[in-house]
Amino acid sequence: MSTDFESFGPGKTRKRSMAPLLGQGLFTVDGEKWRHARNLLRPLFGKSNITDLTLAHKYMEMVLDFTIPNDDATWSGWTGPIDLKGLFERFTMDTATEAIFGRSVNSQLWAKASNSEGK
């Protein structure tokens, strides 16, 4: 696919179904727009980012800190229902922005601060 992309377009069905969710990006465009999107994301998929899990570990620790109380002596080890969608979206955003730009947007920290203010 990386050397003969023109033979592997996203197709009408994927464009129609995924564009409302993903917008005009790597998974929904062809040609020059696809090349541009791919070049923007290329650093994220470099061998050093894939084999070194330090970055992923750093942000997964934040996910766990967000969901598991570590300062409650009465905690039984069980939690109520947890909406993982937002947690994984923020995990992905933080990991990707640090890998691509060298700095995270720290969306998990912002979410944690917002939750503690609302309590």
PDB file of N, CA and C in Angstrom:
ATOM      1  N   MET A   1       0.818  -1.184   0.000  1.00  0.00           N
ATOM      2  CA  MET A   1       0.000   0.000   0.000  1.00  0.00           C
ATOM      3  C   MET A   1       0.868   1.257   0.000  1.00  0.00           C
ATOM      4  N   SER A   2       2.026   1.210   0.638  1.00  0.00           N
ATOM      5  CA  SER A   2       2.861   2.402   0.685  1.00  0.00           C
ATOM      6  C   SER A   2       3.533   2.692  -0.650  1.00  0.00           C
ATOM      7  N   THR A   3       3.690   1.684  -1.502  1.00  0.00           N
ATOM      8  CA  THR A   3       4.346   1.925  -2.789  1.00  0.00           C
ATOM      9  C   THR A   3       3.369   1.969  -3.958  1.00  0.00           C
ATOM     10  N   ASP A   4       2.145   1.452  -3.779  1.00  0.00           N
ATOM     11  CA  ASP A   4       1.160   1.437  -4.873  1.00  0.00           C
ATOM     12  C   ASP A   4      -0.199   1.870  -4.342  1.00  0.00           C
ATOM     13  N   PHE A   5      -0.233   3.043  -3.709  1.00  0.00           N
ATOM     14  CA  PHE A   5      -1.439   3.501  -3.040  1.00  0.00           C
ATOM     15  C   PHE A   5      -2.615   3.662  -3.980  1.00  0.00           C
ATOM     16  N   GLU A   6      -2.375   4.071  -5.209  1.00  0.00           N
ATOM     17  CA  GLU A   6      -3.466   4.338  -6.146  1.00  0.00           C
ATOM     18  C   GLU A   6      -4.352   3.104  -6.348  1.00  0.00           C
ATOM     19  N   SER A   7      -3.824   1.913  -6.066  1.00  0.00           N
ATOM     20  CA  SER A   7      -4.614   0.685  -6.203  1.00  0.00           C
ATOM     21  C   SER A   7      -5.459   0.392  -4.967  1.00  0.00           C
ATOM     22  N   PHE A   8      -5.301   1.187  -3.909  1.00  0.00           N
ATOM     23  CA  PHE A   8      -5.979   0.906  -2.648  1.00  0.00           C
ATOM     24  C   PHE A   8      -6.711   2.135  -2.114  1.00  0.00           C
ATOM     25  N   GLY A   9      -7.563   2.719  -2.900  1.00  0.00           N
ATOM     26  CA  GLY A   9      -8.318   3.892  -2.465  1.00  0.00           C
ATOM     27  C   GLY A   9      -9.330   3.558  -1.387  1.00  0.00           C
ATOM     28  N   PRO A  10      -9.831   4.570  -0.674  1.00  0.00           N
ATOM     29  CA  PRO A  10     -10.771   4.308   0.410  1.00  0.00           C
ATOM     30  C   PRO A  10     -12.144   3.827  -0.066  1.00  0.00           C
ATOM     31  N   GLY A  11     -12.516   4.104  -1.281  1.00  0.00           N
ATOM     32  CA  GLY A  11     -13.805   3.667  -1.792  1.00  0.00           C
ATOM     33  C   GLY A  11     -14.939   4.566  -1.330  1.00  0.00           C
ATOM     34  N   LYS A  12     -16.028   4.531  -2.075  1.00  0.00           N
ATOM     35  CA  LYS A  12     -17.167   5.408  -1.797  1.00  0.00           C
ATOM     36  C   LYS A  12     -17.812   5.111  -0.446  1.00  0.00           C
ATOM     37  N   THR A  13     -17.947   3.833  -0.104  1.00  0.00           N
ATOM     38  CA  THR A  13     -18.606   3.471   1.151  1.00  0.00           C
ATOM     39  C   THR A  13     -17.834   3.997   2.348  1.00  0.00           C
ATOM     40  N   ARG A  14     -16.527   3.798   2.358  1.00  0.00           N
ATOM     41  CA  ARG A  14     -15.730   4.284   3.491  1.00  0.00           C
ATOM     42  C   ARG A  14     -15.730   5.805   3.545  1.00  0.00           C
ATOM     43  N   LYS A  15     -15.626   6.458   2.402  1.00  0.00           N
ATOM     44  CA  LYS A  15     -15.664   7.925   2.386  1.00  0.00           C
ATOM     45  C   LYS A  15     -16.986   8.424   2.965  1.00  0.00           C
ATOM     46  N   ARG A  16     -18.083   7.846   2.515  1.00  0.00           N
ATOM     47  CA  ARG A  16     -19.410   8.280   2.945  1.00  0.00           C
ATOM     48  C   ARG A  16     -19.635   8.005   4.432  1.00  0.00           C
ATOM     49  N   SER A  17     -19.179   6.871   4.921  1.00  0.00           N
ATOM     50  CA  SER A  17     -19.442   6.510   6.313  1.00  0.00           C
ATOM     51  C   SER A  17     -18.436   7.113   7.298  1.00  0.00           C
ATOM     52  N   MET A  18     -17.210   7.290   6.885  1.00  0.00           N
ATOM     53  CA  MET A  18     -16.183   7.751   7.814  1.00  0.00           C
ATOM     54  C   MET A  18     -15.940   9.256   7.791  1.00  0.00           C
ATOM     55  N   ALA A  19     -16.231   9.925   6.686  1.00  0.00           N
ATOM     56  CA  ALA A  19     -15.961  11.363   6.594  1.00  0.00           C
ATOM     57  C   ALA A  19     -16.684  12.182   7.663  1.00  0.00           C
ATOM     58  N   PRO A  20     -17.944  11.879   8.007  1.00  0.00           N
ATOM     59  CA  PRO A  20     -18.582  12.669   9.076  1.00  0.00           C
ATOM     60  C   PRO A  20     -17.854  12.546  10.423  1.00  0.00           C
ATOM     61  N   LEU A  21     -17.246  11.401  10.666  1.00  0.00           N
ATOM     62  CA  LEU A  21     -16.525  11.176  11.918  1.00  0.00           C
ATOM     63  C   LEU A  21     -15.094  11.701  11.845  1.00  0.00           C
ATOM     64  N   LEU A  22     -14.403  11.404  10.751  1.00  0.00           N
ATOM     65  CA  LEU A  22     -12.977  11.704  10.653  1.00  0.00           C
ATOM     66  C   LEU A  22     -12.645  12.950   9.840  1.00  0.00           C
ATOM     67  N   GLY A  23     -13.622  13.476   9.109  1.00  0.00           N
ATOM     68  CA  GLY A  23     -13.350  14.640   8.263  1.00  0.00           C
ATOM     69  C   GLY A  23     -12.513  14.255   7.057  1.00  0.00           C
ATOM     70  N   GLN A  24     -11.895  15.238   6.459  1.00  0.00           N
ATOM     71  CA  GLN A  24     -11.051  15.008   5.293  1.00  0.00           C
ATOM     72  C   GLN A  24      -9.638  14.678   5.760  1.00  0.00           C
ATOM     73  N   GLY A  25      -9.337  13.407   5.891  1.00  0.00           N
ATOM     74  CA  GLY A  25      -8.036  12.995   6.402  1.00  0.00           C
ATOM     75  C   GLY A  25      -7.555  11.718   5.776  1.00  0.00           C
ATOM     76  N   LEU A  26      -6.555  11.160   6.381  1.00  0.00           N
ATOM     77  CA  LEU A  26      -5.847   9.994   5.871  1.00  0.00           C
ATOM     78  C   LEU A  26      -6.768   8.853   5.439  1.00  0.00           C
ATOM     79  N   PHE A  27      -7.839   8.613   6.182  1.00  0.00           N
ATOM     80  CA  PHE A  27      -8.689   7.457   5.917  1.00  0.00           C
ATOM     81  C   PHE A  27      -9.862   7.744   4.985  1.00  0.00           C
ATOM     82  N   THR A  28      -9.985   8.984   4.521  1.00  0.00           N
ATOM     83  CA  THR A  28     -11.159   9.334   3.719  1.00  0.00           C
ATOM     84  C   THR A  28     -10.848  10.071   2.425  1.00  0.00           C
ATOM     85  N   VAL A  29      -9.577  10.268   2.106  1.00  0.00           N
ATOM     86  CA  VAL A  29      -9.225  11.015   0.893  1.00  0.00           C
ATOM     87  C   VAL A  29      -8.256  10.216   0.030  1.00  0.00           C
ATOM     88  N   ASP A  30      -8.124  10.646  -1.196  1.00  0.00           N
ATOM     89  CA  ASP A  30      -7.206  10.035  -2.162  1.00  0.00           C
ATOM     90  C   ASP A  30      -6.199  11.064  -2.648  1.00  0.00           C
ATOM     91  N   GLY A  31      -5.254  10.580  -3.445  1.00  0.00           N
ATOM     92  CA  GLY A  31      -4.344  11.450  -4.175  1.00  0.00           C
ATOM     93  C   GLY A  31      -3.485  12.353  -3.309  1.00  0.00           C
ATOM     94  N   GLU A  32      -3.383  13.615  -3.710  1.00  0.00           N
ATOM     95  CA  GLU A  32      -2.497  14.565  -3.043  1.00  0.00           C
ATOM     96  C   GLU A  32      -2.920  14.837  -1.596  1.00  0.00           C
ATOM     97  N   LYS A  33      -4.218  14.889  -1.344  1.00  0.00           N
ATOM     98  CA  LYS A  33      -4.686  15.096   0.036  1.00  0.00           C
ATOM     99  C   LYS A  33      -4.238  13.938   0.932  1.00  0.00           C
ATOM    100  N   TRP A  34      -4.303  12.711   0.402  1.00  0.00           N
ATOM    101  CA  TRP A  34      -3.858  11.551   1.169  1.00  0.00           C
ATOM    102  C   TRP A  34      -2.359  11.639   1.441  1.00  0.00           C
ATOM    103  N   ARG A  35      -1.576  11.997   0.429  1.00  0.00           N
ATOM    104  CA  ARG A  35      -0.120  12.112   0.612  1.00  0.00           C
ATOM    105  C   ARG A  35       0.211  13.146   1.690  1.00  0.00           C
ATOM    106  N   HIS A  36      -0.494  14.265   1.661  1.00  0.00           N
ATOM    107  CA  HIS A  36      -0.262  15.312   2.654  1.00  0.00           C
ATOM    108  C   HIS A  36      -0.595  14.802   4.062  1.00  0.00           C
ATOM    109  N   ALA A  37      -1.753  14.156   4.219  1.00  0.00           N
ATOM    110  CA  ALA A  37      -2.156  13.625   5.524  1.00  0.00           C
ATOM    111  C   ALA A  37      -1.168  12.558   5.995  1.00  0.00           C
ATOM    112  N   ARG A  38      -0.731  11.723   5.096  1.00  0.00           N
ATOM    113  CA  ARG A  38       0.213  10.655   5.441  1.00  0.00           C
ATOM    114  C   ARG A  38       1.549  11.235   5.895  1.00  0.00           C
ATOM    115  N   ASN A  39       2.020  12.260   5.201  1.00  0.00           N
ATOM    116  CA  ASN A  39       3.285  12.885   5.592  1.00  0.00           C
ATOM    117  C   ASN A  39       3.199  13.552   6.962  1.00  0.00           C
ATOM    118  N   LEU A  40       2.031  14.106   7.294  1.00  0.00           N
ATOM    119  CA  LEU A  40       1.855  14.699   8.619  1.00  0.00           C
ATOM    120  C   LEU A  40       1.920  13.642   9.718  1.00  0.00           C
ATOM    121  N   LEU A  41       1.360  12.470   9.438  1.00  0.00           N
ATOM    122  CA  LEU A  41       1.304  11.413  10.446  1.00  0.00           C
ATOM    123  C   LEU A  41       2.508  10.473  10.439  1.00  0.00           C
ATOM    124  N   ARG A  42       3.349  10.564   9.437  1.00  0.00           N
ATOM    125  CA  ARG A  42       4.494   9.649   9.305  1.00  0.00           C
ATOM    126  C   ARG A  42       5.340   9.555  10.574  1.00  0.00           C
ATOM    127  N   PRO A  43       5.662  10.674  11.258  1.00  0.00           N
ATOM    128  CA  PRO A  43       6.499  10.555  12.461  1.00  0.00           C
ATOM    129  C   PRO A  43       5.877   9.679  13.553  1.00  0.00           C
ATOM    130  N   LEU A  44       4.575   9.651  13.620  1.00  0.00           N
ATOM    131  CA  LEU A  44       3.901   8.848  14.628  1.00  0.00           C
ATOM    132  C   LEU A  44       4.183   7.359  14.449  1.00  0.00           C
ATOM    133  N   PHE A  45       4.399   6.942  13.205  1.00  0.00           N
ATOM    134  CA  PHE A  45       4.585   5.526  12.914  1.00  0.00           C
ATOM    135  C   PHE A  45       6.043   5.152  12.672  1.00  0.00           C
ATOM    136  N   GLY A  46       6.960   6.018  13.073  1.00  0.00           N
ATOM    137  CA  GLY A  46       8.380   5.695  12.963  1.00  0.00           C
ATOM    138  C   GLY A  46       8.727   4.531  13.866  1.00  0.00           C
ATOM    139  N   LYS A  47       9.745   3.789  13.504  1.00  0.00           N
ATOM    140  CA  LYS A  47      10.121   2.588  14.254  1.00  0.00           C
ATOM    141  C   LYS A  47      10.371   2.900  15.730  1.00  0.00           C
ATOM    142  N   SER A  48      10.977   4.045  16.017  1.00  0.00           N
ATOM    143  CA  SER A  48      11.266   4.365  17.420  1.00  0.00           C
ATOM    144  C   SER A  48       9.983   4.568  18.219  1.00  0.00           C
ATOM    145  N   ASN A  49       8.940   5.134  17.615  1.00  0.00           N
ATOM    146  CA  ASN A  49       7.674   5.327  18.326  1.00  0.00           C
ATOM    147  C   ASN A  49       6.917   4.023  18.507  1.00  0.00           C
ATOM    148  N   ILE A  50       7.067   3.109  17.570  1.00  0.00           N
ATOM    149  CA  ILE A  50       6.344   1.843  17.649  1.00  0.00           C
ATOM    150  C   ILE A  50       7.009   0.882  18.625  1.00  0.00           C
ATOM    151  N   THR A  51       8.332   0.861  18.665  1.00  0.00           N
ATOM    152  CA  THR A  51       9.033  -0.092  19.523  1.00  0.00           C
ATOM    153  C   THR A  51       9.274   0.430  20.926  1.00  0.00           C
ATOM    154  N   ASP A  52       9.310   1.744  21.097  1.00  0.00           N
ATOM    155  CA  ASP A  52       9.520   2.319  22.424  1.00  0.00           C
ATOM    156  C   ASP A  52       8.159   2.699  22.999  1.00  0.00           C
ATOM    157  N   LEU A  53       7.732   1.978  24.000  1.00  0.00           N
ATOM    158  CA  LEU A  53       6.406   2.189  24.571  1.00  0.00           C
ATOM    159  C   LEU A  53       6.405   3.165  25.743  1.00  0.00           C
ATOM    160  N   THR A  54       7.507   3.866  25.944  1.00  0.00           N
ATOM    161  CA  THR A  54       7.602   4.808  27.056  1.00  0.00           C
ATOM    162  C   THR A  54       6.509   5.859  26.983  1.00  0.00           C
ATOM    163  N   LEU A  55       6.289   6.408  25.807  1.00  0.00           N
ATOM    164  CA  LEU A  55       5.276   7.443  25.627  1.00  0.00           C
ATOM    165  C   LEU A  55       3.870   6.901  25.905  1.00  0.00           C
ATOM    166  N   ALA A  56       3.562   5.746  25.356  1.00  0.00           N
ATOM    167  CA  ALA A  56       2.255   5.137  25.596  1.00  0.00           C
ATOM    168  C   ALA A  56       2.086   4.819  27.084  1.00  0.00           C
ATOM    169  N   HIS A  57       3.129   4.323  27.709  1.00  0.00           N
ATOM    170  CA  HIS A  57       3.077   3.997  29.134  1.00  0.00           C
ATOM    171  C   HIS A  57       2.796   5.243  29.968  1.00  0.00           C
ATOM    172  N   LYS A  58       3.452   6.343  29.636  1.00  0.00           N
ATOM    173  CA  LYS A  58       3.271   7.603  30.363  1.00  0.00           C
ATOM    174  C   LYS A  58       1.796   8.026  30.373  1.00  0.00           C
ATOM    175  N   TYR A  59       1.163   7.982  29.213  1.00  0.00           N
ATOM    176  CA  TYR A  59      -0.223   8.432  29.129  1.00  0.00           C
ATOM    177  C   TYR A  59      -1.222   7.377  29.600  1.00  0.00           C
ATOM    178  N   MET A  60      -0.852   6.101  29.534  1.00  0.00           N
ATOM    179  CA  MET A  60      -1.725   5.065  30.095  1.00  0.00           C
ATOM    180  C   MET A  60      -1.737   5.157  31.617  1.00  0.00           C
ATOM    181  N   GLU A  61      -0.617   5.531  32.227  1.00  0.00           N
ATOM    182  CA  GLU A  61      -0.588   5.767  33.671  1.00  0.00           C
ATOM    183  C   GLU A  61      -1.582   6.861  34.046  1.00  0.00           C
ATOM    184  N   MET A  62      -1.699   7.885  33.219  1.00  0.00           N
ATOM    185  CA  MET A  62      -2.664   8.952  33.485  1.00  0.00           C
ATOM    186  C   MET A  62      -4.095   8.434  33.396  1.00  0.00           C
ATOM    187  N   VAL A  63      -4.358   7.558  32.418  1.00  0.00           N
ATOM    188  CA  VAL A  63      -5.692   6.956  32.309  1.00  0.00           C
ATOM    189  C   VAL A  63      -6.009   6.189  33.583  1.00  0.00           C
ATOM    190  N   LEU A  64      -5.059   5.399  34.053  1.00  0.00           N
ATOM    191  CA  LEU A  64      -5.281   4.612  35.271  1.00  0.00           C
ATOM    192  C   LEU A  64      -5.452   5.517  36.490  1.00  0.00           C
ATOM    193  N   ASP A  65      -4.661   6.586  36.566  1.00  0.00           N
ATOM    194  CA  ASP A  65      -4.812   7.531  37.678  1.00  0.00           C
ATOM    195  C   ASP A  65      -6.182   8.189  37.664  1.00  0.00           C
ATOM    196  N   PHE A  66      -6.707   8.385  36.475  1.00  0.00           N
ATOM    197  CA  PHE A  66      -8.003   9.032  36.327  1.00  0.00           C
ATOM    198  C   PHE A  66      -9.132   8.107  36.776  1.00  0.00           C
ATOM    199  N   THR A  67      -8.957   6.798  36.598  1.00  0.00           N
ATOM    200  CA  THR A  67     -10.045   5.851  36.847  1.00  0.00           C
ATOM    201  C   THR A  67      -9.944   5.098  38.164  1.00  0.00           C
ATOM    202  N   ILE A  68      -8.741   4.941  38.689  1.00  0.00           N
ATOM    203  CA  ILE A  68      -8.554   4.139  39.901  1.00  0.00           C
ATOM    204  C   ILE A  68      -8.123   5.053  41.042  1.00  0.00           C
ATOM    205  N   PRO A  69      -8.932   5.143  42.073  1.00  0.00           N
ATOM    206  CA  PRO A  69      -8.547   6.006  43.202  1.00  0.00           C
ATOM    207  C   PRO A  69      -7.351   5.416  43.941  1.00  0.00           C
ATOM    208  N   ASN A  70      -6.295   6.180  44.083  1.00  0.00           N
ATOM    209  CA  ASN A  70      -5.120   5.669  44.783  1.00  0.00           C
ATOM    210  C   ASN A  70      -4.917   6.367  46.128  1.00  0.00           C
ATOM    211  N   ASP A  71      -5.848   7.254  46.477  1.00  0.00           N
ATOM    212  CA  ASP A  71      -5.719   7.961  47.751  1.00  0.00           C
ATOM    213  C   ASP A  71      -6.910   7.700  48.673  1.00  0.00           C
ATOM    214  N   ASP A  72      -7.656   6.639  48.384  1.00  0.00           N
ATOM    215  CA  ASP A  72      -8.850   6.320  49.177  1.00  0.00           C
ATOM    216  C   ASP A  72      -8.619   4.997  49.913  1.00  0.00           C
ATOM    217  N   ALA A  73      -8.388   5.069  51.208  1.00  0.00           N
ATOM    218  CA  ALA A  73      -8.098   3.872  51.999  1.00  0.00           C
ATOM    219  C   ALA A  73      -9.282   2.924  52.071  1.00  0.00           C
ATOM    220  N   THR A  74     -10.492   3.416  51.807  1.00  0.00           N
ATOM    221  CA  THR A  74     -11.685   2.568  51.894  1.00  0.00           C
ATOM    222  C   THR A  74     -12.054   1.933  50.555  1.00  0.00           C
ATOM    223  N   TRP A  75     -11.274   2.199  49.522  1.00  0.00           N
ATOM    224  CA  TRP A  75     -11.601   1.683  48.201  1.00  0.00           C
ATOM    225  C   TRP A  75     -11.529   0.164  48.183  1.00  0.00           C
ATOM    226  N   SER A  76     -12.580  -0.488  47.666  1.00  0.00           N
ATOM    227  CA  SER A  76     -12.686  -1.949  47.691  1.00  0.00           C
ATOM    228  C   SER A  76     -11.971  -2.636  46.541  1.00  0.00           C
ATOM    229  N   GLY A  77     -11.510  -1.887  45.575  1.00  0.00           N
ATOM    230  CA  GLY A  77     -10.876  -2.494  44.406  1.00  0.00           C
ATOM    231  C   GLY A  77     -11.814  -2.563  43.215  1.00  0.00           C
ATOM    232  N   TRP A  78     -13.060  -2.159  43.417  1.00  0.00           N
ATOM    233  CA  TRP A  78     -14.041  -2.157  42.339  1.00  0.00           C
ATOM    234  C   TRP A  78     -14.420  -0.731  42.005  1.00  0.00           C
ATOM    235  N   THR A  79     -14.781  -0.510  40.754  1.00  0.00           N
ATOM    236  CA  THR A  79     -15.273   0.805  40.353  1.00  0.00           C
ATOM    237  C   THR A  79     -16.673   0.642  39.786  1.00  0.00           C
ATOM    238  N   GLY A  80     -17.353   1.735  39.688  1.00  0.00           N
ATOM    239  CA  GLY A  80     -18.623   1.718  38.979  1.00  0.00           C
ATOM    240  C   GLY A  80     -18.349   1.706  37.485  1.00  0.00           C
ATOM    241  N   PRO A  81     -19.372   1.857  36.689  1.00  0.00           N
ATOM    242  CA  PRO A  81     -19.171   1.911  35.240  1.00  0.00           C
ATOM    243  C   PRO A  81     -18.254   3.079  34.862  1.00  0.00           C
ATOM    244  N   ILE A  82     -17.391   2.835  33.907  1.00  0.00           N
ATOM    245  CA  ILE A  82     -16.453   3.861  33.437  1.00  0.00           C
ATOM    246  C   ILE A  82     -16.636   4.015  31.935  1.00  0.00           C
ATOM    247  N   ASP A  83     -16.804   5.241  31.481  1.00  0.00           N
ATOM    248  CA  ASP A  83     -16.909   5.524  30.052  1.00  0.00           C
ATOM    249  C   ASP A  83     -15.495   5.587  29.476  1.00  0.00           C
ATOM    250  N   LEU A  84     -15.088   4.515  28.823  1.00  0.00           N
ATOM    251  CA  LEU A  84     -13.731   4.428  28.296  1.00  0.00           C
ATOM    252  C   LEU A  84     -13.521   5.265  27.033  1.00  0.00           C
ATOM    253  N   LYS A  85     -14.589   5.581  26.339  1.00  0.00           N
ATOM    254  CA  LYS A  85     -14.463   6.305  25.078  1.00  0.00           C
ATOM    255  C   LYS A  85     -13.678   7.604  25.257  1.00  0.00           C
ATOM    256  N   GLY A  86     -14.097   8.441  26.181  1.00  0.00           N
ATOM    257  CA  GLY A  86     -13.408   9.705  26.414  1.00  0.00           C
ATOM    258  C   GLY A  86     -11.981   9.504  26.889  1.00  0.00           C
ATOM    259  N   LEU A  87     -11.776   8.509  27.750  1.00  0.00           N
ATOM    260  CA  LEU A  87     -10.426   8.236  28.255  1.00  0.00           C
ATOM    261  C   LEU A  87      -9.478   7.858  27.126  1.00  0.00           C
ATOM    262  N   PHE A  88      -9.940   6.984  26.226  1.00  0.00           N
ATOM    263  CA  PHE A  88      -9.067   6.558  25.137  1.00  0.00           C
ATOM    264  C   PHE A  88      -8.899   7.642  24.072  1.00  0.00           C
ATOM    265  N   GLU A  89      -9.921   8.467  23.895  1.00  0.00           N
ATOM    266  CA  GLU A  89      -9.762   9.603  22.972  1.00  0.00           C
ATOM    267  C   GLU A  89      -8.671  10.539  23.482  1.00  0.00           C
ATOM    268  N   ARG A  90      -8.701  10.856  24.780  1.00  0.00           N
ATOM    269  CA  ARG A  90      -7.690  11.748  25.352  1.00  0.00           C
ATOM    270  C   ARG A  90      -6.317  11.084  25.376  1.00  0.00           C
ATOM    271  N   PHE A  91      -6.272   9.782  25.671  1.00  0.00           N
ATOM    272  CA  PHE A  91      -5.006   9.040  25.621  1.00  0.00           C
ATOM    273  C   PHE A  91      -4.386   9.150  24.230  1.00  0.00           C
ATOM    274  N   THR A  92      -5.210   8.926  23.210  1.00  0.00           N
ATOM    275  CA  THR A  92      -4.729   8.991  21.831  1.00  0.00           C
ATOM    276  C   THR A  92      -4.273  10.404  21.474  1.00  0.00           C
ATOM    277  N   MET A  93      -5.062  11.400  21.861  1.00  0.00           N
ATOM    278  CA  MET A  93      -4.713  12.787  21.566  1.00  0.00           C
ATOM    279  C   MET A  93      -3.393  13.170  22.221  1.00  0.00           C
ATOM    280  N   ASP A  94      -3.217  12.829  23.482  1.00  0.00           N
ATOM    281  CA  ASP A  94      -1.992  13.192  24.193  1.00  0.00           C
ATOM    282  C   ASP A  94      -0.772  12.473  23.629  1.00  0.00           C
ATOM    283  N   THR A  95      -0.923  11.175  23.376  1.00  0.00           N
ATOM    284  CA  THR A  95       0.194  10.397  22.831  1.00  0.00           C
ATOM    285  C   THR A  95       0.561  10.883  21.435  1.00  0.00           C
ATOM    286  N   ALA A  96      -0.440  11.090  20.589  1.00  0.00           N
ATOM    287  CA  ALA A  96      -0.179  11.509  19.210  1.00  0.00           C
ATOM    288  C   ALA A  96       0.425  12.902  19.143  1.00  0.00           C
ATOM    289  N   THR A  97      -0.091  13.842  19.929  1.00  0.00           N
ATOM    290  CA  THR A  97       0.450  15.201  19.838  1.00  0.00           C
ATOM    291  C   THR A  97       1.884  15.262  20.347  1.00  0.00           C
ATOM    292  N   GLU A  98       2.208  14.482  21.362  1.00  0.00           N
ATOM    293  CA  GLU A  98       3.603  14.477  21.806  1.00  0.00           C
ATOM    294  C   GLU A  98       4.503  13.795  20.785  1.00  0.00           C
ATOM    295  N   ALA A  99       4.044  12.703  20.193  1.00  0.00           N
ATOM    296  CA  ALA A  99       4.858  11.999  19.194  1.00  0.00           C
ATOM    297  C   ALA A  99       5.065  12.851  17.945  1.00  0.00           C
ATOM    298  N   ILE A 100       4.029  13.561  17.513  1.00  0.00           N
ATOM    299  CA  ILE A 100       4.120  14.330  16.273  1.00  0.00           C
ATOM    300  C   ILE A 100       4.780  15.694  16.492  1.00  0.00           C
ATOM    301  N   PHE A 101       4.355  16.406  17.546  1.00  0.00           N
ATOM    302  CA  PHE A 101       4.811  17.785  17.740  1.00  0.00           C
ATOM    303  C   PHE A 101       5.877  17.947  18.818  1.00  0.00           C
ATOM    304  N   GLY A 102       6.155  16.862  19.562  1.00  0.00           N
ATOM    305  CA  GLY A 102       7.149  16.958  20.619  1.00  0.00           C
ATOM    306  C   GLY A 102       6.580  17.480  21.934  1.00  0.00           C
ATOM    307  N   ARG A 103       5.303  17.828  21.937  1.00  0.00           N
ATOM    308  CA  ARG A 103       4.606  18.325  23.126  1.00  0.00           C
ATOM    309  C   ARG A 103       3.167  17.862  23.108  1.00  0.00           C
ATOM    310  N   SER A 104       2.697  17.416  24.245  1.00  0.00           N
ATOM    311  CA  SER A 104       1.308  16.961  24.345  1.00  0.00           C
ATOM    312  C   SER A 104       0.380  18.134  24.612  1.00  0.00           C
ATOM    313  N   VAL A 105      -0.863  17.997  24.187  1.00  0.00           N
ATOM    314  CA  VAL A 105      -1.871  18.998  24.542  1.00  0.00           C
ATOM    315  C   VAL A 105      -2.400  18.763  25.956  1.00  0.00           C
ATOM    316  N   ASN A 106      -2.002  17.648  26.571  1.00  0.00           N
ATOM    317  CA  ASN A 106      -2.378  17.309  27.958  1.00  0.00           C
ATOM    318  C   ASN A 106      -3.884  17.341  28.178  1.00  0.00           C
ATOM    319  N   SER A 107      -4.613  16.729  27.276  1.00  0.00           N
ATOM    320  CA  SER A 107      -6.073  16.711  27.404  1.00  0.00           C
ATOM    321  C   SER A 107      -6.531  15.949  28.640  1.00  0.00           C
ATOM    322  N   GLN A 108      -5.760  14.950  29.070  1.00  0.00           N
ATOM    323  CA  GLN A 108      -6.145  14.207  30.273  1.00  0.00           C
ATOM    324  C   GLN A 108      -6.048  15.081  31.520  1.00  0.00           C
ATOM    325  N   LEU A 109      -5.016  15.911  31.585  1.00  0.00           N
ATOM    326  CA  LEU A 109      -4.874  16.801  32.738  1.00  0.00           C
ATOM    327  C   LEU A 109      -5.987  17.842  32.774  1.00  0.00           C
ATOM    328  N   TRP A 110      -6.347  18.346  31.597  1.00  0.00           N
ATOM    329  CA  TRP A 110      -7.454  19.316  31.518  1.00  0.00           C
ATOM    330  C   TRP A 110      -8.769  18.672  31.961  1.00  0.00           C
ATOM    331  N   ALA A 111      -8.996  17.449  31.533  1.00  0.00           N
ATOM    332  CA  ALA A 111     -10.229  16.745  31.913  1.00  0.00           C
ATOM    333  C   ALA A 111     -10.268  16.477  33.409  1.00  0.00           C
ATOM    334  N   LYS A 112      -9.135  16.096  33.972  1.00  0.00           N
ATOM    335  CA  LYS A 112      -9.071  15.815  35.405  1.00  0.00           C
ATOM    336  C   LYS A 112      -9.330  17.100  36.197  1.00  0.00           C
ATOM    337  N   ALA A 113      -8.750  18.211  35.767  1.00  0.00           N
ATOM    338  CA  ALA A 113      -8.977  19.494  36.442  1.00  0.00           C
ATOM    339  C   ALA A 113     -10.440  19.905  36.339  1.00  0.00           C
ATOM    340  N   SER A 114     -11.048  19.680  35.189  1.00  0.00           N
ATOM    341  CA  SER A 114     -12.468  20.026  35.007  1.00  0.00           C
ATOM    342  C   SER A 114     -13.361  19.188  35.912  1.00  0.00           C
ATOM    343  N   ASN A 115     -13.033  17.900  36.054  1.00  0.00           N
ATOM    344  CA  ASN A 115     -13.826  17.014  36.920  1.00  0.00           C
ATOM    345  C   ASN A 115     -13.697  17.394  38.384  1.00  0.00           C
ATOM    346  N   SER A 116     -12.499  17.759  38.814  1.00  0.00           N
ATOM    347  CA  SER A 116     -12.316  18.083  40.230  1.00  0.00           C
ATOM    348  C   SER A 116     -12.969  19.430  40.567  1.00  0.00           C
ATOM    349  N   GLU A 117     -13.069  20.330  39.588  1.00  0.00           N
ATOM    350  CA  GLU A 117     -13.735  21.611  39.824  1.00  0.00           C
ATOM    351  C   GLU A 117     -15.237  21.425  39.961  1.00  0.00           C
ATOM    352  N   GLY A 118     -15.784  20.429  39.240  1.00  0.00           N
ATOM    353  CA  GLY A 118     -17.214  20.201  39.243  1.00  0.00           C
ATOM    354  C   GLY A 118     -17.716  19.446  40.467  1.00  0.00           C
ATOM    355  N   LYS A 119     -16.811  18.932  41.287  1.00  0.00           N
ATOM    356  CA  LYS A 119     -17.226  18.126  42.449  1.00  0.00           C
ATOM    357  C   LYS A 119     -17.561  18.995  43.619  1.00  0.00           C
TER     358      LYS A 119
END
